[in-house]
Amino acid sequence: TFPKRREGETVRLFPEIDRGALAYIQDIIEASQDTQKREHI
């Protein structure tokens, strides 16, 4: 999991950037609304 930050208390760093994972998220969100994109995937 990615634990939720508690304002002013959490010293854990922010999540690392994973470009592939971000691209995947964008893909599936757009595909949830776009039939053509979903079929293309």
PDB file of all heavy atoms in Angstrom:
ATOM      1  N   THR A   1       0.842  -1.193   0.000  1.00  0.00           N
ATOM      2  CA  THR A   1       0.000   0.000   0.000  1.00  0.00           C
ATOM      3  C   THR A   1       0.876   1.243   0.000  1.00  0.00           C
ATOM      4  O   THR A   1       2.072   1.180   0.327  1.00  0.00           O
ATOM      5  CB  THR A   1      -0.906   0.065   1.246  1.00  0.00           C
ATOM      6  OG1 THR A   1      -0.076   0.094   2.426  1.00  0.00           O
ATOM      7  CG2 THR A   1      -1.868  -1.103   1.313  1.00  0.00           C
ATOM      8  N   PHE A   2       0.244   2.355  -0.345  1.00  0.00           N
ATOM      9  CA  PHE A   2       0.861   3.664  -0.139  1.00  0.00           C
ATOM     10  C   PHE A   2       0.166   4.275   1.073  1.00  0.00           C
ATOM     11  O   PHE A   2      -1.001   4.678   0.983  1.00  0.00           O
ATOM     12  CB  PHE A   2       0.666   4.572  -1.361  1.00  0.00           C
ATOM     13  CG  PHE A   2       1.502   4.173  -2.549  1.00  0.00           C
ATOM     14  CD1 PHE A   2       0.955   3.406  -3.561  1.00  0.00           C
ATOM     15  CD2 PHE A   2       2.822   4.571  -2.648  1.00  0.00           C
ATOM     16  CE1 PHE A   2       1.719   3.031  -4.659  1.00  0.00           C
ATOM     17  CE2 PHE A   2       3.597   4.196  -3.734  1.00  0.00           C
ATOM     18  CZ  PHE A   2       3.049   3.436  -4.735  1.00  0.00           C
ATOM     19  N   PRO A   3       0.821   4.313   2.230  1.00  0.00           N
ATOM     20  CA  PRO A   3       0.158   4.831   3.436  1.00  0.00           C
ATOM     21  C   PRO A   3      -0.213   6.297   3.285  1.00  0.00           C
ATOM     22  O   PRO A   3       0.496   7.078   2.639  1.00  0.00           O
ATOM     23  CB  PRO A   3       1.211   4.638   4.529  1.00  0.00           C
ATOM     24  CG  PRO A   3       2.509   4.532   3.811  1.00  0.00           C
ATOM     25  CD  PRO A   3       2.215   3.914   2.478  1.00  0.00           C
ATOM     26  N   LYS A   4      -1.330   6.661   3.864  1.00  0.00           N
ATOM     27  CA  LYS A   4      -1.800   8.042   3.808  1.00  0.00           C
ATOM     28  C   LYS A   4      -0.954   8.906   4.729  1.00  0.00           C
ATOM     29  O   LYS A   4      -0.629   8.505   5.847  1.00  0.00           O
ATOM     30  CB  LYS A   4      -3.274   8.121   4.207  1.00  0.00           C
ATOM     31  CG  LYS A   4      -3.946   9.428   3.828  1.00  0.00           C
ATOM     32  CD  LYS A   4      -5.439   9.332   4.002  1.00  0.00           C
ATOM     33  CE  LYS A   4      -6.140  10.616   3.585  1.00  0.00           C
ATOM     34  NZ  LYS A   4      -5.987  10.914   2.153  1.00  0.00           N
ATOM     35  N   ARG A   5      -0.617  10.088   4.259  1.00  0.00           N
ATOM     36  CA  ARG A   5       0.200  10.995   5.063  1.00  0.00           C
ATOM     37  C   ARG A   5      -0.650  11.649   6.148  1.00  0.00           C
ATOM     38  O   ARG A   5      -1.810  11.992   5.908  1.00  0.00           O
ATOM     39  CB  ARG A   5       0.805  12.110   4.193  1.00  0.00           C
ATOM     40  CG  ARG A   5       1.607  11.627   3.010  1.00  0.00           C
ATOM     41  CD  ARG A   5       2.320  12.776   2.322  1.00  0.00           C
ATOM     42  NE  ARG A   5       3.446  13.221   3.112  1.00  0.00           N
ATOM     43  CZ  ARG A   5       4.637  12.619   3.125  1.00  0.00           C
ATOM     44  NH1 ARG A   5       4.846  11.571   2.361  1.00  0.00           N
ATOM     45  NH2 ARG A   5       5.607  13.067   3.877  1.00  0.00           N
ATOM     46  N   ARG A   6      -0.054  11.824   7.305  1.00  0.00           N
ATOM     47  CA  ARG A   6      -0.685  12.601   8.365  1.00  0.00           C
ATOM     48  C   ARG A   6       0.018  13.951   8.394  1.00  0.00           C
ATOM     49  O   ARG A   6       1.234  14.025   8.609  1.00  0.00           O
ATOM     50  CB  ARG A   6      -0.565  11.890   9.708  1.00  0.00           C
ATOM     51  CG  ARG A   6      -1.391  10.624   9.795  1.00  0.00           C
ATOM     52  CD  ARG A   6      -1.185   9.920  11.112  1.00  0.00           C
ATOM     53  NE  ARG A   6       0.198   9.448  11.251  1.00  0.00           N
ATOM     54  CZ  ARG A   6       0.686   8.878  12.341  1.00  0.00           C
ATOM     55  NH1 ARG A   6      -0.096   8.720  13.393  1.00  0.00           N
ATOM     56  NH2 ARG A   6       1.939   8.477  12.389  1.00  0.00           N
ATOM     57  N   GLU A   7      -0.736  14.997   8.128  1.00  0.00           N
ATOM     58  CA  GLU A   7      -0.152  16.321   7.951  1.00  0.00           C
ATOM     59  C   GLU A   7       0.722  16.718   9.139  1.00  0.00           C
ATOM     60  O   GLU A   7       0.292  16.718  10.278  1.00  0.00           O
ATOM     61  CB  GLU A   7      -1.256  17.368   7.755  1.00  0.00           C
ATOM     62  CG  GLU A   7      -0.728  18.736   7.372  1.00  0.00           C
ATOM     63  CD  GLU A   7      -1.837  19.694   7.006  1.00  0.00           C
ATOM     64  OE1 GLU A   7      -2.970  19.241   6.773  1.00  0.00           O
ATOM     65  OE2 GLU A   7      -1.565  20.898   6.953  1.00  0.00           O
ATOM     66  N   GLY A   8       1.956  17.045   8.834  1.00  0.00           N
ATOM     67  CA  GLY A   8       2.879  17.516   9.850  1.00  0.00           C
ATOM     68  C   GLY A   8       3.531  16.421  10.677  1.00  0.00           C
ATOM     69  O   GLY A   8       4.373  16.702  11.512  1.00  0.00           O
ATOM     70  N   GLU A   9       3.146  15.159  10.436  1.00  0.00           N
ATOM     71  CA  GLU A   9       3.691  14.077  11.252  1.00  0.00           C
ATOM     72  C   GLU A   9       4.470  13.052  10.427  1.00  0.00           C
ATOM     73  O   GLU A   9       5.362  12.385  10.936  1.00  0.00           O
ATOM     74  CB  GLU A   9       2.550  13.347  11.981  1.00  0.00           C
ATOM     75  CG  GLU A   9       1.785  14.231  12.962  1.00  0.00           C
ATOM     76  CD  GLU A   9       0.657  13.462  13.632  1.00  0.00           C
ATOM     77  OE1 GLU A   9       0.726  12.221  13.685  1.00  0.00           O
ATOM     78  OE2 GLU A   9      -0.305  14.101  14.082  1.00  0.00           O
ATOM     79  N   THR A  10       4.096  12.891   9.168  1.00  0.00           N
ATOM     80  CA  THR A  10       4.679  11.829   8.354  1.00  0.00           C
ATOM     81  C   THR A  10       6.038  12.229   7.804  1.00  0.00           C
ATOM     82  O   THR A  10       6.148  13.182   7.027  1.00  0.00           O
ATOM     83  CB  THR A  10       3.740  11.477   7.182  1.00  0.00           C
ATOM     84  OG1 THR A  10       2.471  11.086   7.706  1.00  0.00           O
ATOM     85  CG2 THR A  10       4.319  10.346   6.361  1.00  0.00           C
ATOM     86  N   VAL A  11       7.071  11.501   8.219  1.00  0.00           N
ATOM     87  CA  VAL A  11       8.409  11.772   7.705  1.00  0.00           C
ATOM     88  C   VAL A  11       8.771  10.815   6.566  1.00  0.00           C
ATOM     89  O   VAL A  11       9.850  10.919   5.994  1.00  0.00           O
ATOM     90  CB  VAL A  11       9.477  11.690   8.821  1.00  0.00           C
ATOM     91  CG1 VAL A  11       9.302  12.825   9.791  1.00  0.00           C
ATOM     92  CG2 VAL A  11       9.419  10.344   9.533  1.00  0.00           C
ATOM     93  N   ARG A  12       7.857   9.891   6.246  1.00  0.00           N
ATOM     94  CA  ARG A  12       8.074   9.042   5.076  1.00  0.00           C
ATOM     95  C   ARG A  12       8.161   9.914   3.838  1.00  0.00           C
ATOM     96  O   ARG A  12       7.434  10.905   3.706  1.00  0.00           O
ATOM     97  CB  ARG A  12       6.925   8.042   4.899  1.00  0.00           C
ATOM     98  CG  ARG A  12       6.812   6.991   5.976  1.00  0.00           C
ATOM     99  CD  ARG A  12       5.684   6.040   5.647  1.00  0.00           C
ATOM    100  NE  ARG A  12       6.053   5.159   4.530  1.00  0.00           N
ATOM    101  CZ  ARG A  12       6.252   3.858   4.662  1.00  0.00           C
ATOM    102  NH1 ARG A  12       6.128   3.285   5.853  1.00  0.00           N
ATOM    103  NH2 ARG A  12       6.575   3.124   3.626  1.00  0.00           N
ATOM    104  N   LEU A  13       9.029   9.541   2.920  1.00  0.00           N
ATOM    105  CA  LEU A  13       9.150  10.290   1.681  1.00  0.00           C
ATOM    106  C   LEU A  13       7.889  10.126   0.843  1.00  0.00           C
ATOM    107  O   LEU A  13       7.077   9.227   1.077  1.00  0.00           O
ATOM    108  CB  LEU A  13      10.366   9.803   0.894  1.00  0.00           C
ATOM    109  CG  LEU A  13      11.725   9.936   1.595  1.00  0.00           C
ATOM    110  CD1 LEU A  13      12.833   9.432   0.675  1.00  0.00           C
ATOM    111  CD2 LEU A  13      11.992  11.370   2.026  1.00  0.00           C
ATOM    112  N   PHE A  14       7.727  11.009  -0.126  1.00  0.00           N
ATOM    113  CA  PHE A  14       6.619  10.866  -1.060  1.00  0.00           C
ATOM    114  C   PHE A  14       6.905   9.667  -1.972  1.00  0.00           C
ATOM    115  O   PHE A  14       8.059   9.236  -2.096  1.00  0.00           O
ATOM    116  CB  PHE A  14       6.460  12.150  -1.880  1.00  0.00           C
ATOM    117  CG  PHE A  14       6.026  13.328  -1.060  1.00  0.00           C
ATOM    118  CD1 PHE A  14       6.962  14.168  -0.473  1.00  0.00           C
ATOM    119  CD2 PHE A  14       4.683  13.586  -0.850  1.00  0.00           C
ATOM    120  CE1 PHE A  14       6.578  15.255   0.307  1.00  0.00           C
ATOM    121  CE2 PHE A  14       4.281  14.672  -0.074  1.00  0.00           C
ATOM    122  CZ  PHE A  14       5.226  15.509   0.511  1.00  0.00           C
ATOM    123  N   PRO A  15       5.879   9.102  -2.604  1.00  0.00           N
ATOM    124  CA  PRO A  15       6.104   7.921  -3.455  1.00  0.00           C
ATOM    125  C   PRO A  15       7.140   8.184  -4.543  1.00  0.00           C
ATOM    126  O   PRO A  15       7.303   9.322  -5.002  1.00  0.00           O
ATOM    127  CB  PRO A  15       4.721   7.676  -4.079  1.00  0.00           C
ATOM    128  CG  PRO A  15       3.763   8.274  -3.109  1.00  0.00           C
ATOM    129  CD  PRO A  15       4.452   9.481  -2.547  1.00  0.00           C
ATOM    130  N   GLU A  16       7.814   7.126  -4.947  1.00  0.00           N
ATOM    131  CA  GLU A  16       8.739   7.245  -6.064  1.00  0.00           C
ATOM    132  C   GLU A  16       7.956   7.370  -7.369  1.00  0.00           C
ATOM    133  O   GLU A  16       6.822   6.910  -7.478  1.00  0.00           O
ATOM    134  CB  GLU A  16       9.656   6.019  -6.134  1.00  0.00           C
ATOM    135  CG  GLU A  16      10.656   5.938  -4.994  1.00  0.00           C
ATOM    136  CD  GLU A  16      11.641   4.793  -5.172  1.00  0.00           C
ATOM    137  OE1 GLU A  16      11.579   4.131  -6.228  1.00  0.00           O
ATOM    138  OE2 GLU A  16      12.456   4.582  -4.267  1.00  0.00           O
ATOM    139  N   ILE A  17       8.583   7.996  -8.350  1.00  0.00           N
ATOM    140  CA  ILE A  17       7.953   8.166  -9.661  1.00  0.00           C
ATOM    141  C   ILE A  17       8.194   6.912 -10.491  1.00  0.00           C
ATOM    142  O   ILE A  17       9.335   6.518 -10.715  1.00  0.00           O
ATOM    143  CB  ILE A  17       8.530   9.388 -10.393  1.00  0.00           C
ATOM    144  CG1 ILE A  17       8.285  10.664  -9.583  1.00  0.00           C
ATOM    145  CG2 ILE A  17       7.932   9.512 -11.793  1.00  0.00           C
ATOM    146  CD1 ILE A  17       9.018  11.879 -10.133  1.00  0.00           C
ATOM    147  N   ASP A  18       7.128   6.292 -10.933  1.00  0.00           N
ATOM    148  CA  ASP A  18       7.242   5.170 -11.861  1.00  0.00           C
ATOM    149  C   ASP A  18       6.482   5.571 -13.125  1.00  0.00           C
ATOM    150  O   ASP A  18       5.250   5.583 -13.155  1.00  0.00           O
ATOM    151  CB  ASP A  18       6.656   3.892 -11.261  1.00  0.00           C
ATOM    152  CG  ASP A  18       6.963   2.675 -12.125  1.00  0.00           C
ATOM    153  OD1 ASP A  18       6.481   2.639 -13.273  1.00  0.00           O
ATOM    154  OD2 ASP A  18       7.695   1.774 -11.658  1.00  0.00           O
ATOM    155  N   ARG A  19       7.208   5.895 -14.152  1.00  0.00           N
ATOM    156  CA  ARG A  19       6.603   6.432 -15.364  1.00  0.00           C
ATOM    157  C   ARG A  19       5.681   5.421 -16.042  1.00  0.00           C
ATOM    158  O   ARG A  19       4.618   5.770 -16.561  1.00  0.00           O
ATOM    159  CB  ARG A  19       7.713   6.897 -16.318  1.00  0.00           C
ATOM    160  CG  ARG A  19       8.453   8.117 -15.787  1.00  0.00           C
ATOM    161  CD  ARG A  19       9.889   8.192 -16.336  1.00  0.00           C
ATOM    162  NE  ARG A  19      10.579   9.390 -15.891  1.00  0.00           N
ATOM    163  CZ  ARG A  19      11.130   9.542 -14.684  1.00  0.00           C
ATOM    164  NH1 ARG A  19      11.055   8.562 -13.795  1.00  0.00           N
ATOM    165  NH2 ARG A  19      11.740  10.660 -14.357  1.00  0.00           N
ATOM    166  N   GLY A  20       6.097   4.149 -16.031  1.00  0.00           N
ATOM    167  CA  GLY A  20       5.266   3.119 -16.637  1.00  0.00           C
ATOM    168  C   GLY A  20       3.935   2.967 -15.910  1.00  0.00           C
ATOM    169  O   GLY A  20       2.887   2.809 -16.530  1.00  0.00           O
ATOM    170  N   ALA A  21       3.979   3.025 -14.585  1.00  0.00           N
ATOM    171  CA  ALA A  21       2.752   2.892 -13.797  1.00  0.00           C
ATOM    172  C   ALA A  21       1.826   4.082 -14.023  1.00  0.00           C
ATOM    173  O   ALA A  21       0.604   3.928 -14.144  1.00  0.00           O
ATOM    174  CB  ALA A  21       3.101   2.772 -12.310  1.00  0.00           C
ATOM    175  N   LEU A  22       2.385   5.283 -14.097  1.00  0.00           N
ATOM    176  CA  LEU A  22       1.567   6.463 -14.346  1.00  0.00           C
ATOM    177  C   LEU A  22       0.901   6.383 -15.718  1.00  0.00           C
ATOM    178  O   LEU A  22      -0.279   6.723 -15.875  1.00  0.00           O
ATOM    179  CB  LEU A  22       2.421   7.728 -14.252  1.00  0.00           C
ATOM    180  CG  LEU A  22       2.923   8.098 -12.854  1.00  0.00           C
ATOM    181  CD1 LEU A  22       3.905   9.265 -12.933  1.00  0.00           C
ATOM    182  CD2 LEU A  22       1.760   8.449 -11.929  1.00  0.00           C
ATOM    183  N   ALA A  23       1.662   5.941 -16.706  1.00  0.00           N
ATOM    184  CA  ALA A  23       1.098   5.803 -18.055  1.00  0.00           C
ATOM    185  C   ALA A  23      -0.029   4.784 -18.061  1.00  0.00           C
ATOM    186  O   ALA A  23      -1.051   4.961 -18.743  1.00  0.00           O
ATOM    187  CB  ALA A  23       2.194   5.402 -19.032  1.00  0.00           C
ATOM    188  N   TYR A  24       0.129   3.710 -17.283  1.00  0.00           N
ATOM    189  CA  TYR A  24      -0.914   2.685 -17.190  1.00  0.00           C
ATOM    190  C   TYR A  24      -2.187   3.273 -16.588  1.00  0.00           C
ATOM    191  O   TYR A  24      -3.293   3.032 -17.077  1.00  0.00           O
ATOM    192  CB  TYR A  24      -0.406   1.521 -16.337  1.00  0.00           C
ATOM    193  CG  TYR A  24      -1.419   0.414 -16.129  1.00  0.00           C
ATOM    194  CD1 TYR A  24      -1.524  -0.629 -17.048  1.00  0.00           C
ATOM    195  CD2 TYR A  24      -2.266   0.407 -15.017  1.00  0.00           C
ATOM    196  CE1 TYR A  24      -2.453  -1.651 -16.858  1.00  0.00           C
ATOM    197  CE2 TYR A  24      -3.196  -0.599 -14.827  1.00  0.00           C
ATOM    198  CZ  TYR A  24      -3.284  -1.622 -15.744  1.00  0.00           C
ATOM    199  OH  TYR A  24      -4.213  -2.623 -15.566  1.00  0.00           O
ATOM    200  N   ILE A  25      -2.040   4.056 -15.526  1.00  0.00           N
ATOM    201  CA  ILE A  25      -3.206   4.658 -14.879  1.00  0.00           C
ATOM    202  C   ILE A  25      -3.953   5.553 -15.862  1.00  0.00           C
ATOM    203  O   ILE A  25      -5.183   5.488 -15.985  1.00  0.00           O
ATOM    204  CB  ILE A  25      -2.778   5.467 -13.640  1.00  0.00           C
ATOM    205  CG1 ILE A  25      -2.208   4.539 -12.565  1.00  0.00           C
ATOM    206  CG2 ILE A  25      -3.972   6.246 -13.065  1.00  0.00           C
ATOM    207  CD1 ILE A  25      -1.572   5.270 -11.401  1.00  0.00           C
ATOM    208  N   GLN A  26      -3.211   6.409 -16.569  1.00  0.00           N
ATOM    209  CA  GLN A  26      -3.851   7.292 -17.546  1.00  0.00           C
ATOM    210  C   GLN A  26      -4.581   6.475 -18.613  1.00  0.00           C
ATOM    211  O   GLN A  26      -5.727   6.782 -18.971  1.00  0.00           O
ATOM    212  CB  GLN A  26      -2.816   8.195 -18.207  1.00  0.00           C
ATOM    213  CG  GLN A  26      -3.434   9.154 -19.235  1.00  0.00           C
ATOM    214  CD  GLN A  26      -2.394   9.792 -20.139  1.00  0.00           C
ATOM    215  OE1 GLN A  26      -1.221   9.881 -19.804  1.00  0.00           O
ATOM    216  NE2 GLN A  26      -2.832  10.223 -21.319  1.00  0.00           N
ATOM    217  N   ASP A  27      -3.932   5.435 -19.111  1.00  0.00           N
ATOM    218  CA  ASP A  27      -4.528   4.583 -20.146  1.00  0.00           C
ATOM    219  C   ASP A  27      -5.892   4.043 -19.713  1.00  0.00           C
ATOM    220  O   ASP A  27      -6.882   4.151 -20.442  1.00  0.00           O
ATOM    221  CB  ASP A  27      -3.615   3.386 -20.433  1.00  0.00           C
ATOM    222  CG  ASP A  27      -2.615   3.669 -21.543  1.00  0.00           C
ATOM    223  OD1 ASP A  27      -2.710   4.730 -22.179  1.00  0.00           O
ATOM    224  OD2 ASP A  27      -1.743   2.815 -21.762  1.00  0.00           O
ATOM    225  N   ILE A  28      -5.926   3.427 -18.530  1.00  0.00           N
ATOM    226  CA  ILE A  28      -7.145   2.724 -18.122  1.00  0.00           C
ATOM    227  C   ILE A  28      -8.252   3.716 -17.759  1.00  0.00           C
ATOM    228  O   ILE A  28      -9.427   3.467 -18.049  1.00  0.00           O
ATOM    229  CB  ILE A  28      -6.875   1.763 -16.950  1.00  0.00           C
ATOM    230  CG1 ILE A  28      -5.708   0.836 -17.300  1.00  0.00           C
ATOM    231  CG2 ILE A  28      -8.127   0.942 -16.639  1.00  0.00           C
ATOM    232  CD1 ILE A  28      -5.907   0.051 -18.588  1.00  0.00           C
ATOM    233  N   ILE A  29      -7.898   4.838 -17.154  1.00  0.00           N
ATOM    234  CA  ILE A  29      -8.924   5.845 -16.860  1.00  0.00           C
ATOM    235  C   ILE A  29      -9.544   6.349 -18.149  1.00  0.00           C
ATOM    236  O   ILE A  29     -10.771   6.466 -18.271  1.00  0.00           O
ATOM    237  CB  ILE A  29      -8.325   7.015 -16.053  1.00  0.00           C
ATOM    238  CG1 ILE A  29      -7.966   6.565 -14.636  1.00  0.00           C
ATOM    239  CG2 ILE A  29      -9.323   8.181 -15.978  1.00  0.00           C
ATOM    240  CD1 ILE A  29      -7.262   7.624 -13.807  1.00  0.00           C
ATOM    241  N   GLU A  30      -8.719   6.655 -19.143  1.00  0.00           N
ATOM    242  CA  GLU A  30      -9.255   7.134 -20.418  1.00  0.00           C
ATOM    243  C   GLU A  30     -10.069   6.043 -21.107  1.00  0.00           C
ATOM    244  O   GLU A  30     -11.116   6.321 -21.704  1.00  0.00           O
ATOM    245  CB  GLU A  30      -8.113   7.615 -21.311  1.00  0.00           C
ATOM    246  CG  GLU A  30      -7.478   8.901 -20.808  1.00  0.00           C
ATOM    247  CD  GLU A  30      -6.370   9.424 -21.705  1.00  0.00           C
ATOM    248  OE1 GLU A  30      -5.862   8.655 -22.536  1.00  0.00           O
ATOM    249  OE2 GLU A  30      -6.011  10.605 -21.559  1.00  0.00           O
ATOM    250  N   ALA A  31      -9.600   4.804 -21.010  1.00  0.00           N
ATOM    251  CA  ALA A  31     -10.327   3.695 -21.630  1.00  0.00           C
ATOM    252  C   ALA A  31     -11.681   3.462 -20.964  1.00  0.00           C
ATOM    253  O   ALA A  31     -12.596   2.916 -21.583  1.00  0.00           O
ATOM    254  CB  ALA A  31      -9.488   2.424 -21.565  1.00  0.00           C
ATOM    255  N   SER A  32     -11.823   3.869 -19.699  1.00  0.00           N
ATOM    256  CA  SER A  32     -13.100   3.699 -19.001  1.00  0.00           C
ATOM    257  C   SER A  32     -14.182   4.593 -19.600  1.00  0.00           C
ATOM    258  O   SER A  32     -15.377   4.355 -19.397  1.00  0.00           O
ATOM    259  CB  SER A  32     -12.938   4.004 -17.509  1.00  0.00           C
ATOM    260  OG  SER A  32     -12.783   5.403 -17.283  1.00  0.00           O
ATOM    261  N   GLN A  33     -13.759   5.630 -20.332  1.00  0.00           N
ATOM    262  CA  GLN A  33     -14.703   6.588 -20.905  1.00  0.00           C
ATOM    263  C   GLN A  33     -14.727   6.577 -22.433  1.00  0.00           C
ATOM    264  O   GLN A  33     -15.598   7.178 -23.045  1.00  0.00           O
ATOM    265  CB  GLN A  33     -14.338   8.010 -20.440  1.00  0.00           C
ATOM    266  CG  GLN A  33     -14.292   8.210 -18.939  1.00  0.00           C
ATOM    267  CD  GLN A  33     -15.670   8.205 -18.314  1.00  0.00           C
ATOM    268  OE1 GLN A  33     -16.640   8.595 -18.959  1.00  0.00           O
ATOM    269  NE2 GLN A  33     -15.765   7.772 -17.071  1.00  0.00           N
ATOM    270  N   ASP A  34     -13.743   5.912 -23.034  1.00  0.00           N
ATOM    271  CA  ASP A  34     -13.559   5.986 -24.482  1.00  0.00           C
ATOM    272  C   ASP A  34     -13.562   4.573 -25.075  1.00  0.00           C
ATOM    273  O   ASP A  34     -12.598   3.829 -24.935  1.00  0.00           O
ATOM    274  CB  ASP A  34     -12.240   6.692 -24.787  1.00  0.00           C
ATOM    275  CG  ASP A  34     -12.034   6.970 -26.263  1.00  0.00           C
ATOM    276  OD1 ASP A  34     -12.570   6.214 -27.103  1.00  0.00           O
ATOM    277  OD2 ASP A  34     -11.317   7.931 -26.583  1.00  0.00           O
ATOM    278  N   THR A  35     -14.655   4.226 -25.743  1.00  0.00           N
ATOM    279  CA  THR A  35     -14.800   2.883 -26.309  1.00  0.00           C
ATOM    280  C   THR A  35     -13.720   2.594 -27.339  1.00  0.00           C
ATOM    281  O   THR A  35     -13.150   1.486 -27.376  1.00  0.00           O
ATOM    282  CB  THR A  35     -16.184   2.730 -26.961  1.00  0.00           C
ATOM    283  OG1 THR A  35     -17.188   2.990 -25.988  1.00  0.00           O
ATOM    284  CG2 THR A  35     -16.369   1.316 -27.509  1.00  0.00           C
ATOM    285  N   GLN A  36     -13.419   3.576 -28.177  1.00  0.00           N
ATOM    286  CA  GLN A  36     -12.424   3.377 -29.228  1.00  0.00           C
ATOM    287  C   GLN A  36     -11.041   3.104 -28.633  1.00  0.00           C
ATOM    288  O   GLN A  36     -10.323   2.212 -29.085  1.00  0.00           O
ATOM    289  CB  GLN A  36     -12.366   4.605 -30.138  1.00  0.00           C
ATOM    290  CG  GLN A  36     -11.441   4.432 -31.325  1.00  0.00           C
ATOM    291  CD  GLN A  36     -11.486   5.632 -32.257  1.00  0.00           C
ATOM    292  OE1 GLN A  36     -12.140   6.629 -31.976  1.00  0.00           O
ATOM    293  NE2 GLN A  36     -10.781   5.529 -33.372  1.00  0.00           N
ATOM    294  N   LYS A  37     -10.696   3.870 -27.603  1.00  0.00           N
ATOM    295  CA  LYS A  37      -9.400   3.655 -26.977  1.00  0.00           C
ATOM    296  C   LYS A  37      -9.353   2.286 -26.295  1.00  0.00           C
ATOM    297  O   LYS A  37      -8.342   1.581 -26.361  1.00  0.00           O
ATOM    298  CB  LYS A  37      -9.112   4.741 -25.954  1.00  0.00           C
ATOM    299  CG  LYS A  37      -7.862   4.453 -25.140  1.00  0.00           C
ATOM    300  CD  LYS A  37      -7.207   5.679 -24.618  1.00  0.00           C
ATOM    301  CE  LYS A  37      -5.852   5.320 -24.045  1.00  0.00           C
ATOM    302  NZ  LYS A  37      -5.047   6.461 -23.686  1.00  0.00           N
ATOM    303  N   ARG A  38     -10.439   1.915 -25.660  1.00  0.00           N
ATOM    304  CA  ARG A  38     -10.477   0.614 -24.978  1.00  0.00           C
ATOM    305  C   ARG A  38     -10.283  -0.521 -25.986  1.00  0.00           C
ATOM    306  O   ARG A  38      -9.528  -1.468 -25.729  1.00  0.00           O
ATOM    307  CB  ARG A  38     -11.815   0.462 -24.248  1.00  0.00           C
ATOM    308  CG  ARG A  38     -11.898  -0.770 -23.376  1.00  0.00           C
ATOM    309  CD  ARG A  38     -13.072  -0.691 -22.424  1.00  0.00           C
ATOM    310  NE  ARG A  38     -14.352  -0.614 -23.088  1.00  0.00           N
ATOM    311  CZ  ARG A  38     -15.153   0.441 -23.072  1.00  0.00           C
ATOM    312  NH1 ARG A  38     -14.796   1.546 -22.436  1.00  0.00           N
ATOM    313  NH2 ARG A  38     -16.321   0.418 -23.685  1.00  0.00           N
ATOM    314  N   GLU A  39     -10.924  -0.427 -27.127  1.00  0.00           N
ATOM    315  CA  GLU A  39     -10.787  -1.458 -28.140  1.00  0.00           C
ATOM    316  C   GLU A  39      -9.371  -1.480 -28.717  1.00  0.00           C
ATOM    317  O   GLU A  39      -8.826  -2.554 -29.008  1.00  0.00           O
ATOM    318  CB  GLU A  39     -11.812  -1.238 -29.257  1.00  0.00           C
ATOM    319  CG  GLU A  39     -11.840  -2.351 -30.297  1.00  0.00           C
ATOM    320  CD  GLU A  39     -12.108  -3.718 -29.691  1.00  0.00           C
ATOM    321  OE1 GLU A  39     -12.816  -3.816 -28.662  1.00  0.00           O
ATOM    322  OE2 GLU A  39     -11.593  -4.716 -30.252  1.00  0.00           O
ATOM    323  N   HIS A  40      -8.781  -0.297 -28.850  1.00  0.00           N
ATOM    324  CA  HIS A  40      -7.411  -0.213 -29.350  1.00  0.00           C
ATOM    325  C   HIS A  40      -6.459  -0.927 -28.393  1.00  0.00           C
ATOM    326  O   HIS A  40      -5.558  -1.664 -28.820  1.00  0.00           O
ATOM    327  CB  HIS A  40      -7.018   1.257 -29.507  1.00  0.00           C
ATOM    328  CG  HIS A  40      -5.996   1.479 -30.574  1.00  0.00           C
ATOM    329  ND1 HIS A  40      -5.723   2.713 -31.117  1.00  0.00           N
ATOM    330  CD2 HIS A  40      -5.148   0.623 -31.206  1.00  0.00           C
ATOM    331  CE1 HIS A  40      -4.775   2.597 -32.026  1.00  0.00           C
ATOM    332  NE2 HIS A  40      -4.406   1.349 -32.098  1.00  0.00           N
ATOM    333  N   ILE A  41      -6.643  -0.723 -27.095  1.00  0.00           N
ATOM    334  CA  ILE A  41      -5.805  -1.388 -26.095  1.00  0.00           C
ATOM    335  C   ILE A  41      -6.032  -2.892 -26.132  1.00  0.00           C
ATOM    336  O   ILE A  41      -5.084  -3.684 -26.041  1.00  0.00           O
ATOM    337  CB  ILE A  41      -6.083  -0.820 -24.691  1.00  0.00           C
ATOM    338  CG1 ILE A  41      -5.588   0.630 -24.600  1.00  0.00           C
ATOM    339  CG2 ILE A  41      -5.412  -1.679 -23.616  1.00  0.00           C
ATOM    340  CD1 ILE A  41      -5.897   1.307 -23.282  1.00  0.00           C
TER     341      ILE A  41
END
